[in-house]
Amino acid sequence: MPDEERAAFLDDVNHVAKALHEAFHPDKINYGAYGDDGHHLHFHLCPKYRDGFEWKTVFAMNPDRVHLDASQYRELAQTIIQHL
């Protein structure tokens, strides 16, 4: 990835992380970048809370802890969008 594109992508990641902080007030955000076999770049931004079940551990990709319905996902997305 050219330097300019990578810098712009990381600026976007940072922008979303700030929106997550503003929307949900986590104690921290974990950043995850994966893709051993893929030829693309993406990040997982995971808000973490000191009293949460994953504090001081790597966040689970599918923890089977909470399942949302479509309307709940839309509401969550709208909350994030309001802070972008």
PDB file of N, CA and C in Angstrom:
ATOM      1  N   MET A   1       0.859  -1.170   0.000  1.00  0.00           N
ATOM      2  CA  MET A   1       0.000   0.000   0.000  1.00  0.00           C
ATOM      3  C   MET A   1       0.904   1.232   0.000  1.00  0.00           C
ATOM      4  N   PRO A   2       0.658   2.148  -0.883  1.00  0.00           N
ATOM      5  CA  PRO A   2       1.463   3.368  -0.908  1.00  0.00           C
ATOM      6  C   PRO A   2       1.338   4.144   0.420  1.00  0.00           C
ATOM      7  N   ASP A   3       2.401   4.824   0.785  1.00  0.00           N
ATOM      8  CA  ASP A   3       2.440   5.552   2.061  1.00  0.00           C
ATOM      9  C   ASP A   3       1.254   6.487   2.244  1.00  0.00           C
ATOM     10  N   GLU A   4       0.909   7.218   1.205  1.00  0.00           N
ATOM     11  CA  GLU A   4      -0.188   8.193   1.305  1.00  0.00           C
ATOM     12  C   GLU A   4      -1.522   7.503   1.592  1.00  0.00           C
ATOM     13  N   GLU A   5      -1.778   6.395   0.916  1.00  0.00           N
ATOM     14  CA  GLU A   5      -3.021   5.656   1.145  1.00  0.00           C
ATOM     15  C   GLU A   5      -3.048   5.048   2.546  1.00  0.00           C
ATOM     16  N   ARG A   6      -1.917   4.506   2.984  1.00  0.00           N
ATOM     17  CA  ARG A   6      -1.848   3.914   4.321  1.00  0.00           C
ATOM     18  C   ARG A   6      -2.091   4.984   5.386  1.00  0.00           C
ATOM     19  N   ALA A   7      -1.486   6.143   5.215  1.00  0.00           N
ATOM     20  CA  ALA A   7      -1.672   7.233   6.174  1.00  0.00           C
ATOM     21  C   ALA A   7      -3.136   7.672   6.221  1.00  0.00           C
ATOM     22  N   ALA A   8      -3.776   7.760   5.061  1.00  0.00           N
ATOM     23  CA  ALA A   8      -5.190   8.154   5.009  1.00  0.00           C
ATOM     24  C   ALA A   8      -6.055   7.092   5.681  1.00  0.00           C
ATOM     25  N   PHE A   9      -5.751   5.820   5.446  1.00  0.00           N
ATOM     26  CA  PHE A   9      -6.509   4.737   6.075  1.00  0.00           C
ATOM     27  C   PHE A   9      -6.366   4.803   7.595  1.00  0.00           C
ATOM     28  N   LEU A  10      -5.146   4.976   8.085  1.00  0.00           N
ATOM     29  CA  LEU A  10      -4.936   5.039   9.530  1.00  0.00           C
ATOM     30  C   LEU A  10      -5.587   6.282  10.142  1.00  0.00           C
ATOM     31  N   ASP A  11      -5.640   7.375   9.389  1.00  0.00           N
ATOM     32  CA  ASP A  11      -6.389   8.552   9.855  1.00  0.00           C
ATOM     33  C   ASP A  11      -7.867   8.209  10.026  1.00  0.00           C
ATOM     34  N   ASP A  12      -8.424   7.448   9.079  1.00  0.00           N
ATOM     35  CA  ASP A  12      -9.820   7.029   9.184  1.00  0.00           C
ATOM     36  C   ASP A  12     -10.039   6.114  10.388  1.00  0.00           C
ATOM     37  N   VAL A  13      -9.121   5.171  10.603  1.00  0.00           N
ATOM     38  CA  VAL A  13      -9.215   4.276  11.756  1.00  0.00           C
ATOM     39  C   VAL A  13      -9.207   5.099  13.039  1.00  0.00           C
ATOM     40  N   ASN A  14      -8.317   6.063  13.127  1.00  0.00           N
ATOM     41  CA  ASN A  14      -8.241   6.918  14.310  1.00  0.00           C
ATOM     42  C   ASN A  14      -9.522   7.720  14.497  1.00  0.00           C
ATOM     43  N   HIS A  15     -10.087   8.203  13.409  1.00  0.00           N
ATOM     44  CA  HIS A  15     -11.336   8.973  13.465  1.00  0.00           C
ATOM     45  C   HIS A  15     -12.468   8.112  14.050  1.00  0.00           C
ATOM     46  N   VAL A  16     -12.569   6.879  13.607  1.00  0.00           N
ATOM     47  CA  VAL A  16     -13.602   5.974  14.126  1.00  0.00           C
ATOM     48  C   VAL A  16     -13.329   5.641  15.593  1.00  0.00           C
ATOM     49  N   ALA A  17     -12.070   5.416  15.960  1.00  0.00           N
ATOM     50  CA  ALA A  17     -11.737   5.126  17.361  1.00  0.00           C
ATOM     51  C   ALA A  17     -12.156   6.288  18.262  1.00  0.00           C
ATOM     52  N   LYS A  18     -11.926   7.507  17.821  1.00  0.00           N
ATOM     53  CA  LYS A  18     -12.362   8.675  18.606  1.00  0.00           C
ATOM     54  C   LYS A  18     -13.883   8.707  18.739  1.00  0.00           C
ATOM     55  N   ALA A  19     -14.585   8.380  17.655  1.00  0.00           N
ATOM     56  CA  ALA A  19     -16.049   8.352  17.705  1.00  0.00           C
ATOM     57  C   ALA A  19     -16.523   7.291  18.697  1.00  0.00           C
ATOM     58  N   LEU A  20     -15.865   6.123  18.716  1.00  0.00           N
ATOM     59  CA  LEU A  20     -16.236   5.075  19.677  1.00  0.00           C
ATOM     60  C   LEU A  20     -16.013   5.555  21.108  1.00  0.00           C
ATOM     61  N   HIS A  21     -14.908   6.262  21.350  1.00  0.00           N
ATOM     62  CA  HIS A  21     -14.661   6.816  22.694  1.00  0.00           C
ATOM     63  C   HIS A  21     -15.768   7.786  23.096  1.00  0.00           C
ATOM     64  N   GLU A  22     -16.132   8.665  22.178  1.00  0.00           N
ATOM     65  CA  GLU A  22     -17.166   9.657  22.477  1.00  0.00           C
ATOM     66  C   GLU A  22     -18.531   9.009  22.685  1.00  0.00           C
ATOM     67  N   ALA A  23     -18.839   7.988  21.896  1.00  0.00           N
ATOM     68  CA  ALA A  23     -20.157   7.367  21.954  1.00  0.00           C
ATOM     69  C   ALA A  23     -20.332   6.442  23.152  1.00  0.00           C
ATOM     70  N   PHE A  24     -19.274   5.695  23.501  1.00  0.00           N
ATOM     71  CA  PHE A  24     -19.436   4.621  24.481  1.00  0.00           C
ATOM     72  C   PHE A  24     -18.551   4.738  25.720  1.00  0.00           C
ATOM     73  N   HIS A  25     -17.643   5.701  25.745  1.00  0.00           N
ATOM     74  CA  HIS A  25     -16.785   5.966  26.904  1.00  0.00           C
ATOM     75  C   HIS A  25     -16.069   4.720  27.435  1.00  0.00           C
ATOM     76  N   PRO A  26     -15.419   3.953  26.552  1.00  0.00           N
ATOM     77  CA  PRO A  26     -14.681   2.793  27.050  1.00  0.00           C
ATOM     78  C   PRO A  26     -13.424   3.241  27.783  1.00  0.00           C
ATOM     79  N   ASP A  27     -12.846   2.339  28.561  1.00  0.00           N
ATOM     80  CA  ASP A  27     -11.576   2.626  29.219  1.00  0.00           C
ATOM     81  C   ASP A  27     -10.429   2.606  28.221  1.00  0.00           C
ATOM     82  N   LYS A  28     -10.584   1.836  27.168  1.00  0.00           N
ATOM     83  CA  LYS A  28      -9.593   1.812  26.093  1.00  0.00           C
ATOM     84  C   LYS A  28     -10.214   1.189  24.854  1.00  0.00           C
ATOM     85  N   ILE A  29      -9.521   1.324  23.743  1.00  0.00           N
ATOM     86  CA  ILE A  29      -9.908   0.672  22.491  1.00  0.00           C
ATOM     87  C   ILE A  29      -8.771  -0.268  22.103  1.00  0.00           C
ATOM     88  N   ASN A  30      -9.098  -1.528  21.853  1.00  0.00           N
ATOM     89  CA  ASN A  30      -8.116  -2.450  21.296  1.00  0.00           C
ATOM     90  C   ASN A  30      -8.214  -2.374  19.780  1.00  0.00           C
ATOM     91  N   TYR A  31      -7.056  -2.336  19.142  1.00  0.00           N
ATOM     92  CA  TYR A  31      -6.964  -2.331  17.696  1.00  0.00           C
ATOM     93  C   TYR A  31      -6.476  -3.714  17.265  1.00  0.00           C
ATOM     94  N   GLY A  32      -7.146  -4.322  16.311  1.00  0.00           N
ATOM     95  CA  GLY A  32      -6.701  -5.604  15.779  1.00  0.00           C
ATOM     96  C   GLY A  32      -6.624  -5.540  14.274  1.00  0.00           C
ATOM     97  N   ALA A  33      -5.505  -5.986  13.729  1.00  0.00           N
ATOM     98  CA  ALA A  33      -5.335  -6.057  12.272  1.00  0.00           C
ATOM     99  C   ALA A  33      -4.977  -7.492  11.925  1.00  0.00           C
ATOM    100  N   TYR A  34      -5.785  -8.115  11.099  1.00  0.00           N
ATOM    101  CA  TYR A  34      -5.595  -9.514  10.756  1.00  0.00           C
ATOM    102  C   TYR A  34      -5.628  -9.674   9.247  1.00  0.00           C
ATOM    103  N   GLY A  35      -5.252 -10.819   8.785  1.00  0.00           N
ATOM    104  CA  GLY A  35      -5.343 -11.084   7.353  1.00  0.00           C
ATOM    105  C   GLY A  35      -4.152 -11.839   6.810  1.00  0.00           C
ATOM    106  N   ASP A  36      -3.806 -12.938   7.429  1.00  0.00           N
ATOM    107  CA  ASP A  36      -2.664 -13.720   6.972  1.00  0.00           C
ATOM    108  C   ASP A  36      -2.779 -14.140   5.516  1.00  0.00           C
ATOM    109  N   ASP A  37      -3.966 -14.516   5.101  1.00  0.00           N
ATOM    110  CA  ASP A  37      -4.150 -15.022   3.747  1.00  0.00           C
ATOM    111  C   ASP A  37      -4.752 -13.995   2.794  1.00  0.00           C
ATOM    112  N   GLY A  38      -5.313 -12.948   3.319  1.00  0.00           N
ATOM    113  CA  GLY A  38      -5.995 -11.974   2.463  1.00  0.00           C
ATOM    114  C   GLY A  38      -5.065 -10.876   2.005  1.00  0.00           C
ATOM    115  N   HIS A  39      -5.406 -10.281   0.879  1.00  0.00           N
ATOM    116  CA  HIS A  39      -4.636  -9.163   0.342  1.00  0.00           C
ATOM    117  C   HIS A  39      -5.448  -7.888   0.488  1.00  0.00           C
ATOM    118  N   HIS A  40      -5.743  -7.560   1.715  1.00  0.00           N
ATOM    119  CA  HIS A  40      -6.468  -6.343   2.021  1.00  0.00           C
ATOM    120  C   HIS A  40      -6.072  -5.918   3.437  1.00  0.00           C
ATOM    121  N   LEU A  41      -6.452  -4.723   3.790  1.00  0.00           N
ATOM    122  CA  LEU A  41      -6.149  -4.212   5.116  1.00  0.00           C
ATOM    123  C   LEU A  41      -7.446  -3.832   5.796  1.00  0.00           C
ATOM    124  N   HIS A  42      -7.622  -4.311   7.014  1.00  0.00           N
ATOM    125  CA  HIS A  42      -8.784  -3.903   7.803  1.00  0.00           C
ATOM    126  C   HIS A  42      -8.402  -3.950   9.275  1.00  0.00           C
ATOM    127  N   PHE A  43      -9.151  -3.243  10.077  1.00  0.00           N
ATOM    128  CA  PHE A  43      -8.934  -3.204  11.516  1.00  0.00           C
ATOM    129  C   PHE A  43     -10.216  -3.589  12.232  1.00  0.00           C
ATOM    130  N   HIS A  44     -10.055  -4.184  13.385  1.00  0.00           N
ATOM    131  CA  HIS A  44     -11.147  -4.387  14.325  1.00  0.00           C
ATOM    132  C   HIS A  44     -10.904  -3.392  15.449  1.00  0.00           C
ATOM    133  N   LEU A  45     -11.885  -2.589  15.756  1.00  0.00           N
ATOM    134  CA  LEU A  45     -11.802  -1.646  16.874  1.00  0.00           C
ATOM    135  C   LEU A  45     -12.745  -2.150  17.946  1.00  0.00           C
ATOM    136  N   CYS A  46     -12.198  -2.485  19.086  1.00  0.00           N
ATOM    137  CA  CYS A  46     -12.975  -3.125  20.139  1.00  0.00           C
ATOM    138  C   CYS A  46     -12.933  -2.289  21.410  1.00  0.00           C
ATOM    139  N   PRO A  47     -14.032  -1.620  21.758  1.00  0.00           N
ATOM    140  CA  PRO A  47     -14.076  -0.899  23.034  1.00  0.00           C
ATOM    141  C   PRO A  47     -13.949  -1.889  24.196  1.00  0.00           C
ATOM    142  N   LYS A  48     -13.115  -1.537  25.166  1.00  0.00           N
ATOM    143  CA  LYS A  48     -12.887  -2.418  26.323  1.00  0.00           C
ATOM    144  C   LYS A  48     -13.173  -1.628  27.609  1.00  0.00           C
ATOM    145  N   TYR A  49     -13.715  -2.347  28.583  1.00  0.00           N
ATOM    146  CA  TYR A  49     -14.078  -1.742  29.867  1.00  0.00           C
ATOM    147  C   TYR A  49     -13.409  -2.522  31.002  1.00  0.00           C
ATOM    148  N   ARG A  50     -12.932  -1.793  31.996  1.00  0.00           N
ATOM    149  CA  ARG A  50     -12.231  -2.432  33.123  1.00  0.00           C
ATOM    150  C   ARG A  50     -13.055  -3.516  33.795  1.00  0.00           C
ATOM    151  N   ASP A  51     -14.369  -3.334  33.829  1.00  0.00           N
ATOM    152  CA  ASP A  51     -15.225  -4.334  34.470  1.00  0.00           C
ATOM    153  C   ASP A  51     -15.809  -5.328  33.462  1.00  0.00           C
ATOM    154  N   GLY A  52     -15.312  -5.305  32.228  1.00  0.00           N
ATOM    155  CA  GLY A  52     -15.798  -6.206  31.187  1.00  0.00           C
ATOM    156  C   GLY A  52     -15.162  -7.580  31.275  1.00  0.00           C
ATOM    157  N   PHE A  53     -15.793  -8.536  30.636  1.00  0.00           N
ATOM    158  CA  PHE A  53     -15.337  -9.919  30.740  1.00  0.00           C
ATOM    159  C   PHE A  53     -14.013 -10.167  30.038  1.00  0.00           C
ATOM    160  N   GLU A  54     -13.584  -9.289  29.148  1.00  0.00           N
ATOM    161  CA  GLU A  54     -12.340  -9.502  28.416  1.00  0.00           C
ATOM    162  C   GLU A  54     -11.212  -8.567  28.847  1.00  0.00           C
ATOM    163  N   TRP A  55     -11.367  -7.850  29.927  1.00  0.00           N
ATOM    164  CA  TRP A  55     -10.327  -6.914  30.340  1.00  0.00           C
ATOM    165  C   TRP A  55      -9.026  -7.670  30.578  1.00  0.00           C
ATOM    166  N   LYS A  56      -7.938  -7.134  30.092  1.00  0.00           N
ATOM    167  CA  LYS A  56      -6.586  -7.709  30.189  1.00  0.00           C
ATOM    168  C   LYS A  56      -6.427  -8.999  29.386  1.00  0.00           C
ATOM    169  N   THR A  57      -7.299  -9.212  28.411  1.00  0.00           N
ATOM    170  CA  THR A  57      -7.144 -10.345  27.505  1.00  0.00           C
ATOM    171  C   THR A  57      -7.383  -9.857  26.079  1.00  0.00           C
ATOM    172  N   VAL A  58      -7.015 -10.674  25.132  1.00  0.00           N
ATOM    173  CA  VAL A  58      -7.293 -10.376  23.731  1.00  0.00           C
ATOM    174  C   VAL A  58      -8.798 -10.512  23.515  1.00  0.00           C
ATOM    175  N   PHE A  59      -9.371  -9.585  22.767  1.00  0.00           N
ATOM    176  CA  PHE A  59     -10.812  -9.667  22.553  1.00  0.00           C
ATOM    177  C   PHE A  59     -11.161 -10.855  21.675  1.00  0.00           C
ATOM    178  N   ALA A  60     -12.284 -11.458  21.952  1.00  0.00           N
ATOM    179  CA  ALA A  60     -12.742 -12.622  21.203  1.00  0.00           C
ATOM    180  C   ALA A  60     -13.427 -12.169  19.920  1.00  0.00           C
ATOM    181  N   MET A  61     -13.151 -12.850  18.843  1.00  0.00           N
ATOM    182  CA  MET A  61     -13.781 -12.485  17.571  1.00  0.00           C
ATOM    183  C   MET A  61     -15.269 -12.833  17.567  1.00  0.00           C
ATOM    184  N   ASN A  62     -15.660 -13.863  18.283  1.00  0.00           N
ATOM    185  CA  ASN A  62     -17.057 -14.259  18.361  1.00  0.00           C
ATOM    186  C   ASN A  62     -17.304 -14.814  19.770  1.00  0.00           C
ATOM    187  N   PRO A  63     -17.461 -13.928  20.714  1.00  0.00           N
ATOM    188  CA  PRO A  63     -17.538 -14.393  22.104  1.00  0.00           C
ATOM    189  C   PRO A  63     -18.861 -15.051  22.488  1.00  0.00           C
ATOM    190  N   ASP A  64     -19.863 -15.030  21.613  1.00  0.00           N
ATOM    191  CA  ASP A  64     -21.176 -15.609  21.922  1.00  0.00           C
ATOM    192  C   ASP A  64     -21.759 -15.055  23.216  1.00  0.00           C
ATOM    193  N   ARG A  65     -21.487 -13.805  23.481  1.00  0.00           N
ATOM    194  CA  ARG A  65     -21.994 -13.178  24.703  1.00  0.00           C
ATOM    195  C   ARG A  65     -23.265 -12.382  24.449  1.00  0.00           C
ATOM    196  N   VAL A  66     -23.291 -11.653  23.334  1.00  0.00           N
ATOM    197  CA  VAL A  66     -24.420 -10.783  23.037  1.00  0.00           C
ATOM    198  C   VAL A  66     -24.788 -10.953  21.566  1.00  0.00           C
ATOM    199  N   HIS A  67     -26.053 -11.132  21.303  1.00  0.00           N
ATOM    200  CA  HIS A  67     -26.549 -11.205  19.935  1.00  0.00           C
ATOM    201  C   HIS A  67     -27.599 -10.117  19.771  1.00  0.00           C
ATOM    202  N   LEU A  68     -27.417  -9.285  18.760  1.00  0.00           N
ATOM    203  CA  LEU A  68     -28.339  -8.182  18.499  1.00  0.00           C
ATOM    204  C   LEU A  68     -29.223  -8.513  17.318  1.00  0.00           C
ATOM    205  N   ASP A  69     -30.414  -7.929  17.311  1.00  0.00           N
ATOM    206  CA  ASP A  69     -31.256  -8.062  16.132  1.00  0.00           C
ATOM    207  C   ASP A  69     -30.969  -6.880  15.199  1.00  0.00           C
ATOM    208  N   ALA A  70     -31.550  -6.886  14.028  1.00  0.00           N
ATOM    209  CA  ALA A  70     -31.251  -5.877  13.015  1.00  0.00           C
ATOM    210  C   ALA A  70     -31.510  -4.457  13.506  1.00  0.00           C
ATOM    211  N   SER A  71     -32.592  -4.255  14.235  1.00  0.00           N
ATOM    212  CA  SER A  71     -32.887  -2.899  14.714  1.00  0.00           C
ATOM    213  C   SER A  71     -31.866  -2.441  15.751  1.00  0.00           C
ATOM    214  N   GLN A  72     -31.386  -3.352  16.571  1.00  0.00           N
ATOM    215  CA  GLN A  72     -30.359  -3.002  17.557  1.00  0.00           C
ATOM    216  C   GLN A  72     -29.041  -2.643  16.869  1.00  0.00           C
ATOM    217  N   TYR A  73     -28.701  -3.375  15.804  1.00  0.00           N
ATOM    218  CA  TYR A  73     -27.495  -3.031  15.045  1.00  0.00           C
ATOM    219  C   TYR A  73     -27.629  -1.655  14.398  1.00  0.00           C
ATOM    220  N   ARG A  74     -28.807  -1.351  13.850  1.00  0.00           N
ATOM    221  CA  ARG A  74     -29.026  -0.036  13.248  1.00  0.00           C
ATOM    222  C   ARG A  74     -28.880   1.061  14.292  1.00  0.00           C
ATOM    223  N   GLU A  75     -29.445   0.848  15.473  1.00  0.00           N
ATOM    224  CA  GLU A  75     -29.342   1.843  16.545  1.00  0.00           C
ATOM    225  C   GLU A  75     -27.880   2.040  16.965  1.00  0.00           C
ATOM    226  N   LEU A  76     -27.148   0.965  17.094  1.00  0.00           N
ATOM    227  CA  LEU A  76     -25.736   1.042  17.452  1.00  0.00           C
ATOM    228  C   LEU A  76     -24.947   1.787  16.379  1.00  0.00           C
ATOM    229  N   ALA A  77     -25.205   1.458  15.118  1.00  0.00           N
ATOM    230  CA  ALA A  77     -24.527   2.141  14.017  1.00  0.00           C
ATOM    231  C   ALA A  77     -24.861   3.630  14.015  1.00  0.00           C
ATOM    232  N   GLN A  78     -26.112   3.979  14.256  1.00  0.00           N
ATOM    233  CA  GLN A  78     -26.504   5.384  14.282  1.00  0.00           C
ATOM    234  C   GLN A  78     -25.806   6.135  15.408  1.00  0.00           C
ATOM    235  N   THR A  79     -25.638   5.504  16.543  1.00  0.00           N
ATOM    236  CA  THR A  79     -24.917   6.120  17.665  1.00  0.00           C
ATOM    237  C   THR A  79     -23.480   6.440  17.258  1.00  0.00           C
ATOM    238  N   ILE A  80     -22.831   5.510  16.590  1.00  0.00           N
ATOM    239  CA  ILE A  80     -21.466   5.744  16.140  1.00  0.00           C
ATOM    240  C   ILE A  80     -21.423   6.849  15.092  1.00  0.00           C
ATOM    241  N   ILE A  81     -22.311   6.780  14.130  1.00  0.00           N
ATOM    242  CA  ILE A  81     -22.352   7.778  13.053  1.00  0.00           C
ATOM    243  C   ILE A  81     -22.523   9.187  13.604  1.00  0.00           C
ATOM    244  N   GLN A  82     -23.317   9.346  14.652  1.00  0.00           N
ATOM    245  CA  GLN A  82     -23.534  10.666  15.239  1.00  0.00           C
ATOM    246  C   GLN A  82     -22.240  11.279  15.789  1.00  0.00           C
ATOM    247  N   HIS A  83     -21.246  10.457  16.069  1.00  0.00           N
ATOM    248  CA  HIS A  83     -19.991  10.937  16.627  1.00  0.00           C
ATOM    249  C   HIS A  83     -18.861  11.025  15.610  1.00  0.00           C
ATOM    250  N   LEU A  84     -19.160  10.685  14.359  1.00  0.00           N
ATOM    251  CA  LEU A  84     -18.126  10.792  13.322  1.00  0.00           C
ATOM    252  C   LEU A  84     -18.017  12.210  12.798  1.00  0.00           C
TER     253      LEU A  84
END
